[in-house]
Amino acid sequence: MSLECVLLLECVLLQGYDDRLIKRVVDGVPSLSMVREWLFELLSLPQASLRAFAIQVYMRFSSTRFSSTNYCYQQNPRLVMGI
């Protein structure tokens, strides 16, 4: 993971995982694979708001990064997450 990506995720942490930061995370991170572990970590936490934030980030990545030609990934998002 690049230093810029790490710093961006740290800023999100310090800002309290505000929903308004989702677009900045998606725009600032070049690929979903760079934040996959971070998303899994958020999904494993007991706070529903953090799990919801992780899901929203993933959905934003899916809607902006995967075109309709990539039909397989749109039909099975678990492939993208590597589950």
N, C-alpha and C. Protein backbone atom coordinates (compact mmCIF):
# COMPACT_ATOMS: atom_id res chain seq x y z
N MET A 1 0.85 -1.17 0.00
CA MET A 1 0.00 0.00 0.00
C MET A 1 0.90 1.23 0.00
N SER A 2 0.56 2.20 -0.83
CA SER A 2 1.37 3.40 -0.93
C SER A 2 1.21 4.28 0.30
N LEU A 3 2.19 5.14 0.51
CA LEU A 3 2.16 6.05 1.64
C LEU A 3 0.95 6.98 1.56
N GLU A 4 0.63 7.44 0.36
CA GLU A 4 -0.52 8.33 0.20
C GLU A 4 -1.82 7.63 0.61
N CYS A 5 -1.92 6.36 0.26
CA CYS A 5 -3.11 5.58 0.61
C CYS A 5 -3.21 5.42 2.12
N VAL A 6 -2.10 5.10 2.76
CA VAL A 6 -2.07 4.94 4.21
C VAL A 6 -2.46 6.24 4.90
N LEU A 7 -1.91 7.34 4.44
CA LEU A 7 -2.24 8.64 5.04
C LEU A 7 -3.71 8.99 4.85
N LEU A 8 -4.25 8.68 3.68
CA LEU A 8 -5.67 8.94 3.43
C LEU A 8 -6.55 8.15 4.40
N LEU A 9 -6.23 6.87 4.59
CA LEU A 9 -7.02 6.04 5.49
C LEU A 9 -6.88 6.49 6.94
N GLU A 10 -5.69 6.97 7.31
CA GLU A 10 -5.51 7.51 8.66
C GLU A 10 -6.35 8.77 8.85
N CYS A 11 -6.44 9.61 7.83
CA CYS A 11 -7.28 10.81 7.92
C CYS A 11 -8.74 10.44 8.10
N VAL A 12 -9.18 9.39 7.39
CA VAL A 12 -10.56 8.92 7.53
C VAL A 12 -10.80 8.46 8.96
N LEU A 13 -9.84 7.74 9.52
CA LEU A 13 -9.93 7.29 10.90
C LEU A 13 -10.08 8.48 11.85
N LEU A 14 -9.25 9.48 11.66
CA LEU A 14 -9.28 10.65 12.55
C LEU A 14 -10.56 11.46 12.38
N GLN A 15 -11.16 11.40 11.21
CA GLN A 15 -12.41 12.14 10.96
C GLN A 15 -13.64 11.37 11.42
N GLY A 16 -13.46 10.17 11.91
CA GLY A 16 -14.58 9.41 12.46
C GLY A 16 -15.41 8.66 11.45
N TYR A 17 -14.83 8.32 10.31
CA TYR A 17 -15.54 7.52 9.29
C TYR A 17 -16.84 8.20 8.85
N ASP A 18 -16.74 9.48 8.58
CA ASP A 18 -17.88 10.27 8.11
C ASP A 18 -18.25 9.82 6.69
N ASP A 19 -19.54 9.64 6.43
CA ASP A 19 -20.01 9.20 5.10
C ASP A 19 -19.58 10.15 3.99
N ARG A 20 -19.36 11.41 4.32
CA ARG A 20 -18.95 12.37 3.30
C ARG A 20 -17.54 12.11 2.80
N LEU A 21 -16.78 11.24 3.48
CA LEU A 21 -15.41 10.92 3.07
C LEU A 21 -15.33 9.76 2.10
N ILE A 22 -16.43 9.10 1.85
CA ILE A 22 -16.42 7.91 0.99
C ILE A 22 -15.91 8.25 -0.41
N LYS A 23 -16.40 9.32 -0.99
CA LYS A 23 -15.97 9.70 -2.33
C LYS A 23 -14.47 9.98 -2.34
N ARG A 24 -13.95 10.62 -1.32
CA ARG A 24 -12.51 10.91 -1.27
C ARG A 24 -11.69 9.64 -1.15
N VAL A 25 -12.18 8.68 -0.39
CA VAL A 25 -11.46 7.41 -0.27
C VAL A 25 -11.40 6.72 -1.62
N VAL A 26 -12.52 6.63 -2.29
CA VAL A 26 -12.57 5.95 -3.59
C VAL A 26 -11.73 6.69 -4.62
N ASP A 27 -11.81 8.01 -4.63
CA ASP A 27 -11.02 8.79 -5.58
C ASP A 27 -9.52 8.74 -5.26
N GLY A 28 -9.18 8.60 -3.99
CA GLY A 28 -7.78 8.66 -3.58
C GLY A 28 -7.05 7.34 -3.58
N VAL A 29 -7.77 6.25 -3.72
CA VAL A 29 -7.15 4.93 -3.68
C VAL A 29 -7.22 4.33 -5.09
N PRO A 30 -6.06 3.95 -5.64
CA PRO A 30 -6.06 3.47 -7.02
C PRO A 30 -6.77 2.15 -7.27
N SER A 31 -6.82 1.26 -6.27
CA SER A 31 -7.48 -0.02 -6.51
C SER A 31 -8.07 -0.56 -5.22
N LEU A 32 -9.11 -1.36 -5.39
CA LEU A 32 -9.78 -1.97 -4.25
C LEU A 32 -8.84 -2.90 -3.50
N SER A 33 -7.94 -3.54 -4.21
CA SER A 33 -7.03 -4.48 -3.55
C SER A 33 -6.14 -3.79 -2.53
N MET A 34 -5.91 -2.48 -2.71
CA MET A 34 -5.06 -1.75 -1.77
C MET A 34 -5.74 -1.54 -0.42
N VAL A 35 -7.05 -1.57 -0.38
CA VAL A 35 -7.77 -1.33 0.87
C VAL A 35 -8.58 -2.53 1.33
N ARG A 36 -8.37 -3.65 0.70
CA ARG A 36 -9.16 -4.85 1.02
C ARG A 36 -9.01 -5.25 2.48
N GLU A 37 -7.79 -5.30 2.98
CA GLU A 37 -7.59 -5.68 4.39
C GLU A 37 -8.23 -4.67 5.33
N TRP A 38 -8.14 -3.40 4.99
CA TRP A 38 -8.75 -2.35 5.80
C TRP A 38 -10.26 -2.52 5.84
N LEU A 39 -10.86 -2.84 4.68
CA LEU A 39 -12.31 -3.07 4.65
C LEU A 39 -12.70 -4.29 5.47
N PHE A 40 -11.92 -5.37 5.35
CA PHE A 40 -12.22 -6.57 6.15
C PHE A 40 -12.11 -6.26 7.64
N GLU A 41 -11.13 -5.45 8.02
CA GLU A 41 -10.98 -5.07 9.42
C GLU A 41 -12.20 -4.30 9.91
N LEU A 42 -12.67 -3.35 9.09
CA LEU A 42 -13.87 -2.60 9.47
C LEU A 42 -15.09 -3.50 9.58
N LEU A 43 -15.20 -4.46 8.65
CA LEU A 43 -16.35 -5.37 8.66
C LEU A 43 -16.35 -6.29 9.87
N SER A 44 -15.19 -6.51 10.47
CA SER A 44 -15.11 -7.42 11.62
C SER A 44 -15.39 -6.71 12.95
N LEU A 45 -15.50 -5.39 12.93
CA LEU A 45 -15.73 -4.64 14.16
C LEU A 45 -17.19 -4.71 14.59
N PRO A 46 -17.46 -4.57 15.88
CA PRO A 46 -18.83 -4.69 16.37
C PRO A 46 -19.72 -3.47 16.06
N GLN A 47 -19.12 -2.31 15.79
CA GLN A 47 -19.92 -1.11 15.53
C GLN A 47 -20.56 -1.19 14.15
N ALA A 48 -21.88 -1.12 14.13
CA ALA A 48 -22.62 -1.19 12.87
C ALA A 48 -22.28 -0.03 11.95
N SER A 49 -22.00 1.13 12.51
CA SER A 49 -21.68 2.30 11.68
C SER A 49 -20.38 2.10 10.90
N LEU A 50 -19.40 1.43 11.50
CA LEU A 50 -18.14 1.17 10.79
C LEU A 50 -18.31 0.11 9.73
N ARG A 51 -19.12 -0.89 10.02
CA ARG A 51 -19.40 -1.92 9.01
C ARG A 51 -20.16 -1.30 7.83
N ALA A 52 -21.11 -0.41 8.13
CA ALA A 52 -21.86 0.26 7.08
C ALA A 52 -20.94 1.13 6.23
N PHE A 53 -19.98 1.79 6.86
CA PHE A 53 -19.01 2.62 6.13
C PHE A 53 -18.21 1.75 5.16
N ALA A 54 -17.75 0.60 5.62
CA ALA A 54 -16.97 -0.31 4.77
C ALA A 54 -17.80 -0.78 3.57
N ILE A 55 -19.05 -1.10 3.81
CA ILE A 55 -19.92 -1.56 2.73
C ILE A 55 -20.15 -0.43 1.72
N GLN A 56 -20.33 0.78 2.21
CA GLN A 56 -20.54 1.91 1.32
C GLN A 56 -19.30 2.20 0.48
N VAL A 57 -18.12 2.08 1.07
CA VAL A 57 -16.88 2.26 0.31
C VAL A 57 -16.79 1.20 -0.78
N TYR A 58 -17.07 -0.04 -0.42
CA TYR A 58 -17.01 -1.13 -1.40
C TYR A 58 -18.01 -0.90 -2.53
N MET A 59 -19.23 -0.51 -2.19
CA MET A 59 -20.26 -0.28 -3.21
C MET A 59 -19.87 0.89 -4.12
N ARG A 60 -19.26 1.91 -3.56
CA ARG A 60 -18.82 3.06 -4.38
C ARG A 60 -17.72 2.60 -5.34
N PHE A 61 -16.78 1.80 -4.85
CA PHE A 61 -15.75 1.24 -5.73
C PHE A 61 -16.40 0.44 -6.84
N SER A 62 -17.35 -0.40 -6.49
CA SER A 62 -18.01 -1.26 -7.47
C SER A 62 -18.72 -0.45 -8.54
N SER A 63 -19.39 0.60 -8.14
CA SER A 63 -20.17 1.37 -9.11
C SER A 63 -19.31 2.28 -9.97
N THR A 64 -18.13 2.66 -9.49
CA THR A 64 -17.31 3.59 -10.26
C THR A 64 -16.16 2.90 -11.00
N ARG A 65 -15.72 1.75 -10.54
CA ARG A 65 -14.53 1.13 -11.12
C ARG A 65 -14.82 -0.04 -12.05
N PHE A 66 -15.96 -0.69 -11.90
CA PHE A 66 -16.25 -1.88 -12.68
C PHE A 66 -17.32 -1.55 -13.71
N SER A 67 -16.98 -1.65 -14.96
CA SER A 67 -17.91 -1.30 -16.03
C SER A 67 -18.88 -2.45 -16.30
N SER A 68 -19.84 -2.18 -17.13
CA SER A 68 -20.83 -3.21 -17.47
C SER A 68 -20.20 -4.35 -18.26
N THR A 69 -19.03 -4.13 -18.85
CA THR A 69 -18.35 -5.21 -19.56
C THR A 69 -17.76 -6.22 -18.60
N ASN A 70 -17.62 -5.83 -17.35
CA ASN A 70 -17.08 -6.72 -16.34
C ASN A 70 -18.23 -7.38 -15.59
N TYR A 71 -19.13 -7.99 -16.32
CA TYR A 71 -20.39 -8.52 -15.82
C TYR A 71 -20.19 -9.54 -14.70
N CYS A 72 -19.17 -10.37 -14.81
CA CYS A 72 -18.92 -11.41 -13.81
C CYS A 72 -18.76 -10.81 -12.43
N TYR A 73 -18.01 -9.72 -12.33
CA TYR A 73 -17.77 -9.11 -11.03
C TYR A 73 -19.01 -8.39 -10.51
N GLN A 74 -19.81 -7.86 -11.39
CA GLN A 74 -21.02 -7.19 -10.94
C GLN A 74 -22.04 -8.19 -10.40
N GLN A 75 -22.07 -9.37 -10.97
CA GLN A 75 -23.02 -10.38 -10.53
C GLN A 75 -22.54 -11.10 -9.28
N ASN A 76 -21.25 -11.12 -9.04
CA ASN A 76 -20.70 -11.82 -7.87
C ASN A 76 -19.62 -10.97 -7.23
N PRO A 77 -20.01 -9.99 -6.40
CA PRO A 77 -19.02 -9.09 -5.80
C PRO A 77 -18.04 -9.83 -4.88
N ARG A 78 -18.36 -11.03 -4.46
CA ARG A 78 -17.43 -11.78 -3.62
C ARG A 78 -16.14 -12.09 -4.38
N LEU A 79 -16.22 -12.19 -5.71
CA LEU A 79 -15.02 -12.40 -6.50
C LEU A 79 -14.06 -11.24 -6.37
N VAL A 80 -14.59 -10.04 -6.33
CA VAL A 80 -13.76 -8.85 -6.23
C VAL A 80 -13.07 -8.80 -4.87
N MET A 81 -13.80 -9.12 -3.83
CA MET A 81 -13.25 -9.07 -2.48
C MET A 81 -12.34 -10.24 -2.19
N GLY A 82 -12.32 -11.24 -3.06
CA GLY A 82 -11.45 -12.39 -2.87
C GLY A 82 -11.94 -13.34 -1.81
N ILE A 83 -13.26 -13.39 -1.62
CA ILE A 83 -13.84 -14.27 -0.59
C ILE A 83 -14.06 -15.64 -1.19
